[in-house]
């Protein structure tokens, strides 16, 4: 439905053409193992410049309980980006006015995929008539959200397995869309 959002060369990101990306909704049970692997790789690799080893390990451990991770992904709307049948990114709206997750496989970073995924999630929020879209972003993803028009509201420290991690609450007002009927 939103296939026109995969556009490479977004300002601030390296310009590598995106191969053909297939977009679909999360399939509970089936997709959990691959997305848990993607999640861990994203956290441990891409967050290395902003988070120490203990912070990355605590954050990545969120996917250790696969049944719980699957249940988290099954709530709200989770979109999966695939290339040649392999998951390369995923994002979630939960509820329809909050980006709960946004992760890209390390080999796919800096290609505009996070921006494309965020645009799709924003379109879904608009369809649900949300007037504001919020996110609690990491230091790694904060620039992606800010380039997409989100503004910093506050920052905080959250605890994961006895380790504190910085997090940033961002919001973006959504203009009312024209709805026919």
Protein backbone atom coordinates (compact mmCIF):
# COMPACT_ATOMS: atom_id res chain seq x y z
CA UNK A 1 0.00 0.00 0.00
CA UNK A 2 2.88 2.41 0.75
CA UNK A 3 5.46 1.02 -1.70
CA UNK A 4 6.49 4.46 -2.95
CA UNK A 5 8.37 5.32 0.26
CA UNK A 6 11.57 3.36 -0.45
CA UNK A 7 13.60 6.27 -1.81
CA UNK A 8 17.40 6.25 -1.49
CA UNK A 9 19.52 9.34 -1.02
CA UNK A 10 17.78 10.97 1.92
CA UNK A 11 19.56 14.09 3.19
CA UNK A 12 22.13 13.25 5.83
CA UNK A 13 22.45 9.59 4.85
CA UNK A 14 24.94 7.99 2.51
CA UNK A 15 23.57 7.57 -0.99
CA UNK A 16 23.62 3.88 -1.79
CA UNK A 17 20.84 2.71 -4.07
CA UNK A 18 18.37 0.40 -2.38
CA UNK A 19 17.81 -2.84 -4.20
CA UNK A 20 14.25 -4.03 -4.47
CA UNK A 21 12.71 -4.00 -1.01
CA UNK A 22 9.54 -5.92 -0.24
CA UNK A 23 7.37 -4.54 2.57
CA UNK A 24 4.96 -6.63 4.60
CA UNK A 25 3.37 -6.99 7.99
CA UNK A 26 4.89 -9.07 10.75
CA UNK A 27 3.84 -12.73 10.93
CA UNK A 28 3.70 -13.79 14.61
CA UNK A 29 5.80 -16.82 15.41
CA UNK A 30 7.36 -17.15 11.98
CA UNK A 31 9.29 -13.87 11.93
CA UNK A 32 10.42 -13.69 15.56
CA UNK A 33 13.72 -15.60 15.26
CA UNK A 34 14.98 -13.61 12.26
CA UNK A 35 13.94 -10.26 13.74
CA UNK A 36 15.51 -11.13 17.11
CA UNK A 37 18.78 -11.82 15.28
CA UNK A 38 18.47 -8.57 13.32
CA UNK A 39 17.65 -6.67 16.53
CA UNK A 40 20.69 -8.04 18.38
CA UNK A 41 23.02 -7.33 15.45
CA UNK A 42 21.69 -3.80 15.11
CA UNK A 43 22.12 -3.06 18.80
CA UNK A 44 25.52 -4.66 19.23
CA UNK A 45 27.02 -3.28 16.01
CA UNK A 46 25.33 0.02 15.14
CA UNK A 47 25.09 1.27 18.73
CA UNK A 48 28.80 0.67 19.42
CA UNK A 49 29.66 4.32 18.76
CA UNK A 50 27.20 5.63 21.37
CA UNK A 51 26.82 2.87 23.98
CA UNK A 52 29.39 0.86 25.90
CA UNK A 53 29.56 -2.96 25.86
CA UNK A 54 27.49 -3.37 29.04
CA UNK A 55 24.75 -1.05 27.72
CA UNK A 56 24.62 -2.88 24.37
CA UNK A 57 24.49 -6.29 26.07
CA UNK A 58 21.63 -5.22 28.35
CA UNK A 59 19.72 -3.69 25.44
CA UNK A 60 20.29 -6.70 23.15
CA UNK A 61 19.10 -9.07 25.91
CA UNK A 62 15.57 -7.75 25.30
CA UNK A 63 15.32 -10.33 22.50
CA UNK A 64 16.61 -13.28 24.56
CA UNK A 65 13.12 -14.42 25.55
CA UNK A 66 11.86 -15.21 22.06
CA UNK A 67 8.25 -15.74 23.13
CA UNK A 68 8.18 -12.34 24.83
CA UNK A 69 9.89 -10.68 21.86
CA UNK A 70 7.36 -12.29 19.50
CA UNK A 71 4.48 -11.03 21.68
CA UNK A 72 5.93 -7.50 21.62
CA UNK A 73 6.25 -7.58 17.83
CA UNK A 74 2.72 -8.95 17.41
CA UNK A 75 1.07 -5.99 19.14
CA UNK A 76 0.30 -2.84 17.20
CA UNK A 77 1.50 -2.81 13.61
CA UNK A 78 4.97 -4.15 12.84
CA UNK A 79 6.32 -3.72 9.32
CA UNK A 80 9.14 -5.85 7.94
CA UNK A 81 11.42 -4.84 5.06
CA UNK A 82 12.88 -7.76 3.09
CA UNK A 83 15.37 -8.16 0.30
CA UNK A 84 15.50 -11.53 -1.46
CA UNK A 85 13.38 -13.04 1.32
CA UNK A 86 15.66 -11.94 4.17
CA UNK A 87 14.56 -9.38 6.78
CA UNK A 88 16.71 -6.24 6.58
CA UNK A 89 14.71 -3.86 8.80
CA UNK A 90 11.58 -3.65 10.92
CA UNK A 91 9.58 -1.03 12.72
CA UNK A 92 6.51 -0.91 14.90
CA UNK A 93 3.68 1.45 15.75
CA UNK A 94 2.22 0.76 19.17
CA UNK A 95 -0.20 2.32 19.67
CA UNK A 96 -0.93 4.13 16.40
CA UNK A 97 0.67 7.36 17.60
CA UNK A 98 3.99 5.95 18.86
CA UNK A 99 6.97 4.43 17.03
CA UNK A 100 7.85 1.63 19.42
CA UNK A 101 10.70 0.05 17.42
CA UNK A 102 12.86 0.96 14.41
CA UNK A 103 15.80 -1.34 13.59
CA UNK A 104 17.96 -1.90 10.52
CA UNK A 105 20.44 -4.72 9.90
CA UNK A 106 24.02 -3.42 10.08
CA UNK A 107 24.77 -4.28 6.44
CA UNK A 108 21.79 -2.13 5.45
CA UNK A 109 22.53 0.97 7.54
CA UNK A 110 23.03 4.41 5.99
CA UNK A 111 21.05 3.54 2.86
CA UNK A 112 17.83 5.40 3.69
CA UNK A 113 16.02 2.27 4.86
CA UNK A 114 15.26 3.58 8.37
CA UNK A 115 13.94 6.80 6.83
CA UNK A 116 11.76 4.85 4.38
CA UNK A 117 10.44 2.65 7.17
CA UNK A 118 9.71 5.66 9.37
CA UNK A 119 7.80 7.30 6.50
CA UNK A 120 5.65 4.18 6.16
CA UNK A 121 4.93 4.13 9.89
CA UNK A 122 4.04 7.82 9.77
CA UNK A 123 1.63 7.16 6.88
CA UNK A 124 -0.06 4.45 8.95
CA UNK A 125 -0.35 6.84 11.89
CA UNK A 126 -1.94 9.43 9.61
CA UNK A 127 -4.39 6.81 8.29
CA UNK A 128 -5.33 6.08 11.90
CA UNK A 129 -5.94 9.85 12.27
CA UNK A 130 -3.21 10.34 14.85
CA UNK A 131 -2.43 14.02 15.33
CA UNK A 132 1.01 13.54 16.89
CA UNK A 133 3.57 10.81 16.36
CA UNK A 134 5.99 10.13 19.21
CA UNK A 135 9.05 7.95 19.75
CA UNK A 136 11.47 7.09 22.51
CA UNK A 137 14.66 6.96 20.50
CA UNK A 138 18.19 5.84 21.19
CA UNK A 139 21.17 8.10 20.65
CA UNK A 140 21.74 6.16 17.42
CA UNK A 141 18.26 6.62 15.95
CA UNK A 142 17.62 10.15 17.23
CA UNK A 143 19.14 11.80 14.10
CA UNK A 144 16.90 9.70 11.82
CA UNK A 145 13.83 10.93 13.69
CA UNK A 146 15.04 14.54 13.73
CA UNK A 147 15.68 14.51 9.95
CA UNK A 148 12.09 13.25 9.57
CA UNK A 149 10.75 16.31 11.41
CA UNK A 150 10.59 15.06 14.99
CA UNK A 151 11.57 17.44 17.81
CA UNK A 152 13.20 16.59 21.11
CA UNK A 153 10.77 16.85 24.02
CA UNK A 154 12.86 15.34 26.82
CA UNK A 155 15.65 12.94 27.63
CA UNK A 156 15.85 10.32 30.32
CA UNK A 157 17.77 7.31 31.52
CA UNK A 158 16.11 3.89 31.48
CA UNK A 159 17.29 0.75 33.25
CA UNK A 160 17.81 -2.59 31.49
CA UNK A 161 19.26 -5.47 33.50
CA UNK A 162 20.80 -3.07 36.03
CA UNK A 163 22.40 -0.86 33.37
CA UNK A 164 21.27 2.67 32.51
CA UNK A 165 20.78 3.76 28.91
CA UNK A 166 20.00 7.25 27.58
CA UNK A 167 16.73 7.66 25.70
CA UNK A 168 15.16 10.63 23.95
CA UNK A 169 11.44 11.37 23.74
CA UNK A 170 10.63 12.99 20.40
CA UNK A 171 7.36 14.11 18.82
CA UNK A 172 6.13 15.22 15.43
CA UNK A 173 2.80 16.94 14.87
CA UNK A 174 0.87 15.37 12.02
CA UNK A 175 -1.20 17.71 9.92
CA UNK A 176 -4.74 16.61 9.30
CA UNK A 177 -4.96 14.67 6.06
CA UNK A 178 -7.79 15.08 3.63
CA UNK A 179 -10.19 12.23 4.13
CA UNK A 180 -13.03 11.67 1.71
CA UNK A 181 -16.05 10.50 3.59
